[in-house]
């Protein structure tokens, strides 16, 4: 009978060239197979045995498949989200959008929230969890992505307040399908340059339609930002995630369209979020 502690040590060593967090990856895979959470795994380690199938999962991770895809779940804002290859994996750096939404909501609680390019629904559902009186709409051009978002809304018991619409913002008149204005708009649109070199974990396993936005990574901002005039309420705020080197060009575009812009940094100190408010007076 294999010693589970030794198996985890060997697995972490095997993943050293693949992952920045090899031990964590090995523990998450093991906990998944055992049907327990990681904390329980570490607590009960001396009493556990290695389940069948661990070697197969380890090989998938060694081939750069994301842990979230292998186990089908990723935590975001302390909530469990189902993920699949049809959606981007929620990342900790994106939690700055939720933190900022909460700060704004202390002064102006949103009644209606819009998430453009909702994917797994992580941004919308995490925000709705903070504002129990709010209603939310998640829009995406991918039907498989919306199926994931629906599933997450059901799992988090937010289906009564989260509504999803299949719509592409490259289509003429797309804003008309959203039925009115919103107090808070969230967007993590595609913003990666088609010339960018990505890790195998991202390039080989995450949906390209949710990543790439032209040679400068600006194509989708150039659609979304001008459309905000039709979507934001008078005192509304838009929160746009950006790439680490996009603060200047996206800010210029937003200011050209009449917005006051504030930039916020992520956990690594990189520019990550632009806060857009209507210019008054």
Protein backbone atom coordinates (compact mmCIF):
# COMPACT_ATOMS: atom_id res chain seq x y z
CA UNK A 1 0.00 0.00 0.00
CA UNK A 2 1.53 3.30 -1.09
CA UNK A 3 2.19 5.91 1.58
CA UNK A 4 0.02 8.89 0.68
CA UNK A 5 2.50 11.43 2.09
CA UNK A 6 5.28 9.97 -0.05
CA UNK A 7 3.04 9.93 -3.12
CA UNK A 8 2.24 13.61 -2.61
CA UNK A 9 5.93 14.47 -2.21
CA UNK A 10 6.81 12.62 -5.41
CA UNK A 11 3.90 14.21 -7.26
CA UNK A 12 4.96 17.69 -6.20
CA UNK A 13 8.48 16.97 -7.39
CA UNK A 14 7.15 15.72 -10.74
CA UNK A 15 5.13 18.92 -11.18
CA UNK A 16 8.00 21.24 -10.30
CA UNK A 17 8.71 22.12 -13.93
CA UNK A 18 5.03 22.51 -14.81
CA UNK A 19 3.51 24.53 -11.99
CA UNK A 20 4.39 27.40 -9.68
CA UNK A 21 2.42 25.60 -6.96
CA UNK A 22 3.30 21.91 -7.41
CA UNK A 23 2.49 20.76 -3.87
CA UNK A 24 -0.84 22.57 -3.84
CA UNK A 25 -1.73 21.06 -7.22
CA UNK A 26 -0.93 17.54 -6.00
CA UNK A 27 -3.00 18.03 -2.85
CA UNK A 28 -5.99 19.38 -4.76
CA UNK A 29 -5.94 16.44 -7.16
CA UNK A 30 -5.68 13.97 -4.29
CA UNK A 31 -8.47 15.63 -2.30
CA UNK A 32 -10.69 15.62 -5.39
CA UNK A 33 -10.29 11.89 -5.87
CA UNK A 34 -10.95 11.25 -2.19
CA UNK A 35 -14.09 13.39 -2.26
CA UNK A 36 -12.89 15.70 0.51
CA UNK A 37 -11.54 19.24 0.66
CA UNK A 38 -7.83 20.02 0.94
CA UNK A 39 -8.06 20.99 4.59
CA UNK A 40 -9.57 17.60 5.44
CA UNK A 41 -6.88 15.89 3.39
CA UNK A 42 -4.11 17.55 5.39
CA UNK A 43 -5.86 16.87 8.69
CA UNK A 44 -6.46 13.18 7.99
CA UNK A 45 -3.30 12.46 5.98
CA UNK A 46 -1.95 9.71 8.28
CA UNK A 47 -5.24 7.80 8.03
CA UNK A 48 -5.73 8.00 4.26
CA UNK A 49 -4.68 5.75 1.40
CA UNK A 50 -3.96 6.68 -2.19
CA UNK A 51 -7.13 6.30 -4.31
CA UNK A 52 -7.19 4.72 -7.74
CA UNK A 53 -6.74 7.13 -10.61
CA UNK A 54 -4.27 9.53 -9.03
CA UNK A 55 -1.51 8.62 -11.48
CA UNK A 56 -3.80 9.42 -14.40
CA UNK A 57 -4.72 12.83 -12.98
CA UNK A 58 -1.07 13.56 -12.33
CA UNK A 59 -0.21 12.80 -15.96
CA UNK A 60 -2.91 15.22 -17.12
CA UNK A 61 -1.43 17.95 -14.94
CA UNK A 62 2.08 17.15 -16.20
CA UNK A 63 0.69 17.78 -19.69
CA UNK A 64 -0.16 21.34 -18.49
CA UNK A 65 -3.92 20.78 -18.18
CA UNK A 66 -5.15 23.23 -15.50
CA UNK A 67 -6.06 21.76 -12.13
CA UNK A 68 -9.41 23.56 -12.33
CA UNK A 69 -10.28 21.66 -15.51
CA UNK A 70 -9.18 18.33 -14.08
CA UNK A 71 -11.28 18.66 -10.93
CA UNK A 72 -13.99 20.79 -12.58
CA UNK A 73 -13.98 23.54 -9.97
CA UNK A 74 -12.21 26.73 -8.90
CA UNK A 75 -12.74 28.88 -5.82
CA UNK A 76 -13.34 32.58 -6.40
CA UNK A 77 -14.33 35.10 -3.73
CA UNK A 78 -14.53 32.13 -1.32
CA UNK A 79 -17.27 30.59 -3.49
CA UNK A 80 -17.01 27.30 -5.42
CA UNK A 81 -17.43 27.70 -9.17
CA UNK A 82 -17.81 24.90 -11.68
CA UNK A 83 -15.51 25.46 -14.67
CA UNK A 84 -14.98 23.77 -18.01
CA UNK A 85 -12.86 24.35 -21.13
CA UNK A 86 -15.73 26.56 -22.38
CA UNK A 87 -14.96 29.34 -19.85
CA UNK A 88 -11.97 31.20 -18.51
CA UNK A 89 -10.81 29.96 -15.13
CA UNK A 90 -11.57 32.65 -12.50
CA UNK A 91 -8.35 34.12 -11.14
CA UNK A 92 -7.55 35.78 -7.80
CA UNK A 93 -6.43 38.98 -9.52
CA UNK A 94 -10.00 39.48 -10.79
CA UNK A 95 -11.25 39.71 -7.21
CA UNK A 96 -10.24 43.39 -7.29
CA UNK A 97 -13.44 43.94 -9.29
CA UNK A 98 -15.53 42.47 -6.48
CA UNK A 99 -13.62 44.36 -3.78
CA UNK A 100 -14.20 47.61 -5.66
CA UNK A 101 -17.87 46.81 -6.28
CA UNK A 102 -18.35 46.26 -2.55
CA UNK A 103 -16.70 49.59 -1.74
CA UNK A 104 -18.89 51.41 -4.25
CA UNK A 105 -21.98 49.60 -2.99
CA UNK A 106 -21.49 50.92 0.53
CA UNK A 107 -22.37 54.37 -0.85
CA UNK A 108 -24.56 53.48 -3.83
CA UNK A 109 -25.94 49.93 -3.51
CA UNK A 110 -26.66 48.67 -7.04
CA UNK A 111 -30.18 47.58 -7.92
CA UNK A 112 -29.22 46.22 -11.36
CA UNK A 113 -25.86 44.66 -12.23
CA UNK A 114 -24.59 43.70 -15.69
CA UNK A 115 -21.70 41.35 -16.41
CA UNK A 116 -20.45 41.56 -20.00
CA UNK A 117 -18.79 38.35 -21.14
CA UNK A 118 -19.95 36.51 -18.05
CA UNK A 119 -18.29 33.14 -18.81
CA UNK A 120 -18.61 31.01 -15.66
CA UNK A 121 -20.68 33.78 -14.05
CA UNK A 122 -18.00 34.28 -11.39
CA UNK A 123 -17.99 38.10 -11.41
CA UNK A 124 -21.77 38.46 -11.50
CA UNK A 125 -22.54 35.79 -8.94
CA UNK A 126 -19.83 36.87 -6.51
CA UNK A 127 -21.15 40.44 -6.69
CA UNK A 128 -24.76 39.34 -6.25
CA UNK A 129 -23.70 37.40 -3.16
CA UNK A 130 -22.65 40.74 -1.65
CA UNK A 131 -25.84 42.61 -2.60
CA UNK A 132 -28.86 40.49 -1.66
CA UNK A 133 -31.36 43.06 -2.97
CA UNK A 134 -29.78 43.35 -6.44
CA UNK A 135 -30.77 41.72 -9.70
CA UNK A 136 -28.13 40.74 -12.24
CA UNK A 137 -27.77 40.00 -15.94
CA UNK A 138 -24.88 38.04 -17.42
CA UNK A 139 -24.32 38.30 -21.17
CA UNK A 140 -22.12 36.03 -23.26
CA UNK A 141 -21.81 35.05 -26.91
CA UNK A 142 -21.12 31.41 -26.02
CA UNK A 143 -24.03 29.07 -25.29
CA UNK A 144 -21.75 26.47 -23.62
CA UNK A 145 -20.35 29.20 -21.37
CA UNK A 146 -23.84 30.27 -20.36
CA UNK A 147 -24.67 26.67 -19.49
CA UNK A 148 -21.78 26.77 -17.00
CA UNK A 149 -23.00 30.10 -15.61
CA UNK A 150 -26.55 28.74 -15.19
CA UNK A 151 -25.15 25.74 -13.34
CA UNK A 152 -23.16 27.97 -11.00
CA UNK A 153 -26.18 30.18 -10.30
CA UNK A 154 -28.14 27.07 -9.36
CA UNK A 155 -25.37 25.72 -7.14
CA UNK A 156 -25.01 29.03 -5.32
CA UNK A 157 -28.80 29.47 -5.04
CA UNK A 158 -28.74 32.73 -6.96
CA UNK A 159 -30.89 31.69 -9.92
CA UNK A 160 -33.78 33.86 -8.77
CA UNK A 161 -31.61 36.98 -9.10
CA UNK A 162 -29.19 36.06 -11.89
CA UNK A 163 -30.45 36.07 -15.47
CA UNK A 164 -28.41 35.17 -18.52
CA UNK A 165 -28.65 36.26 -22.13
CA UNK A 166 -26.99 34.82 -25.22
CA UNK A 167 -25.81 37.85 -27.16
CA UNK A 168 -22.70 38.97 -29.05
CA UNK A 169 -21.54 42.57 -28.60
CA UNK A 170 -20.18 42.56 -32.14
CA UNK A 171 -23.78 42.33 -33.40
CA UNK A 172 -25.62 45.47 -34.44
CA UNK A 173 -28.02 46.75 -31.76
CA UNK A 174 -26.85 44.35 -29.07
CA UNK A 175 -27.51 46.80 -26.23
CA UNK A 176 -31.24 46.77 -26.99
CA UNK A 177 -31.50 43.20 -25.76
CA UNK A 178 -30.42 44.17 -22.24
CA UNK A 179 -33.63 46.00 -21.37
CA UNK A 180 -32.58 49.21 -19.72
CA UNK A 181 -29.76 50.65 -17.68
CA UNK A 182 -27.55 49.29 -14.92
CA UNK A 183 -26.09 50.77 -11.75
CA UNK A 184 -22.99 48.58 -11.94
CA UNK A 185 -21.39 47.07 -15.03
CA UNK A 186 -18.65 44.46 -14.76
CA UNK A 187 -16.54 43.35 -17.71
CA UNK A 188 -13.55 41.08 -18.13
CA UNK A 189 -13.51 41.10 -21.93
CA UNK A 190 -10.91 39.54 -24.19
CA UNK A 191 -7.84 41.78 -24.00
CA UNK A 192 -4.87 39.64 -25.05
CA UNK A 193 -2.99 40.65 -28.18
CA UNK A 194 -2.99 38.04 -30.91
CA UNK A 195 0.79 38.52 -30.96
CA UNK A 196 1.19 37.59 -27.28
CA UNK A 197 2.94 34.40 -26.18
CA UNK A 198 0.90 32.57 -23.56
CA UNK A 199 1.72 29.65 -21.29
CA UNK A 200 0.67 26.21 -22.53
CA UNK A 201 -1.80 26.04 -19.66
CA UNK A 202 -3.68 29.01 -21.10
CA UNK A 203 -2.99 28.69 -24.83
CA UNK A 204 -3.82 24.97 -25.06
CA UNK A 205 -6.75 24.73 -22.66
CA UNK A 206 -8.66 28.01 -22.30
CA UNK A 207 -11.16 29.37 -24.88
CA UNK A 208 -9.42 31.63 -27.39
CA UNK A 209 -12.60 33.62 -28.06
CA UNK A 210 -12.46 34.80 -24.43
CA UNK A 211 -8.77 35.72 -24.64
CA UNK A 212 -7.78 37.44 -27.86
CA UNK A 213 -8.85 40.91 -28.98
CA UNK A 214 -6.84 41.88 -32.04
CA UNK A 215 -3.22 42.88 -32.50
CA UNK A 216 -3.35 45.49 -29.71
CA UNK A 217 -5.81 43.66 -27.45
CA UNK A 218 -8.19 46.63 -27.80
CA UNK A 219 -10.91 45.38 -30.16
CA UNK A 220 -13.52 44.65 -27.50
CA UNK A 221 -12.89 47.77 -25.42
CA UNK A 222 -13.50 49.78 -28.59
CA UNK A 223 -16.98 48.27 -28.74
CA UNK A 224 -17.89 48.14 -25.06
CA UNK A 225 -16.79 51.59 -23.91
CA UNK A 226 -18.78 53.62 -26.46
CA UNK A 227 -21.82 51.43 -25.70
CA UNK A 228 -21.75 52.26 -21.99
CA UNK A 229 -23.63 55.49 -22.66
CA UNK A 230 -26.69 53.33 -23.44
CA UNK A 231 -26.21 50.99 -20.50
CA UNK A 232 -25.05 52.92 -17.43
CA UNK A 233 -27.52 54.63 -15.13
CA UNK A 234 -26.92 58.29 -14.31
CA UNK A 235 -24.82 57.52 -11.24
CA UNK A 236 -23.63 54.15 -12.47
CA UNK A 237 -20.11 52.76 -12.46
CA UNK A 238 -18.37 50.44 -14.90
CA UNK A 239 -15.53 48.18 -13.76
CA UNK A 240 -13.31 46.98 -16.61
CA UNK A 241 -10.52 44.47 -16.16
CA UNK A 242 -7.44 45.25 -18.26
CA UNK A 243 -4.10 43.73 -19.14
CA UNK A 244 -1.10 44.88 -17.12
CA UNK A 245 0.08 47.18 -19.95
CA UNK A 246 -3.29 48.56 -21.09
CA UNK A 247 -4.10 51.23 -18.52
CA UNK A 248 -2.99 54.11 -20.75
CA UNK A 249 -4.73 53.19 -24.04
CA UNK A 250 -7.98 52.06 -22.40
CA UNK A 251 -8.03 55.14 -20.17
CA UNK A 252 -7.60 57.40 -23.20
CA UNK A 253 -10.46 55.63 -24.95
CA UNK A 254 -12.71 55.99 -21.89
CA UNK A 255 -11.87 59.68 -21.41
CA UNK A 256 -12.55 60.31 -25.08
CA UNK A 257 -16.03 58.86 -24.48
CA UNK A 258 -16.69 61.16 -21.54
CA UNK A 259 -15.69 59.13 -18.48
CA UNK A 260 -13.64 59.90 -15.40
CA UNK A 261 -11.23 57.02 -14.94
CA UNK A 262 -9.50 55.57 -11.89
CA UNK A 263 -6.95 52.76 -12.14
CA UNK A 264 -6.49 50.06 -9.48
CA UNK A 265 -3.81 47.42 -9.07
CA UNK A 266 -4.09 43.67 -8.49
CA UNK A 267 -2.40 41.47 -5.88
CA UNK A 268 0.88 41.62 -7.79
CA UNK A 269 0.88 45.40 -8.03
CA UNK A 270 -0.01 45.39 -11.74
CA UNK A 271 -2.61 47.68 -13.28
CA UNK A 272 -5.72 45.47 -13.43
CA UNK A 273 -8.92 47.50 -13.13
CA UNK A 274 -10.32 50.71 -14.54
CA UNK A 275 -13.22 52.35 -12.72
CA UNK A 276 -15.34 54.43 -15.10
CA UNK A 277 -17.83 57.06 -14.01
CA UNK A 278 -19.78 59.54 -16.12
CA UNK A 279 -18.26 62.98 -16.32
CA UNK A 280 -20.77 65.54 -15.04
CA UNK A 281 -21.00 69.27 -15.56
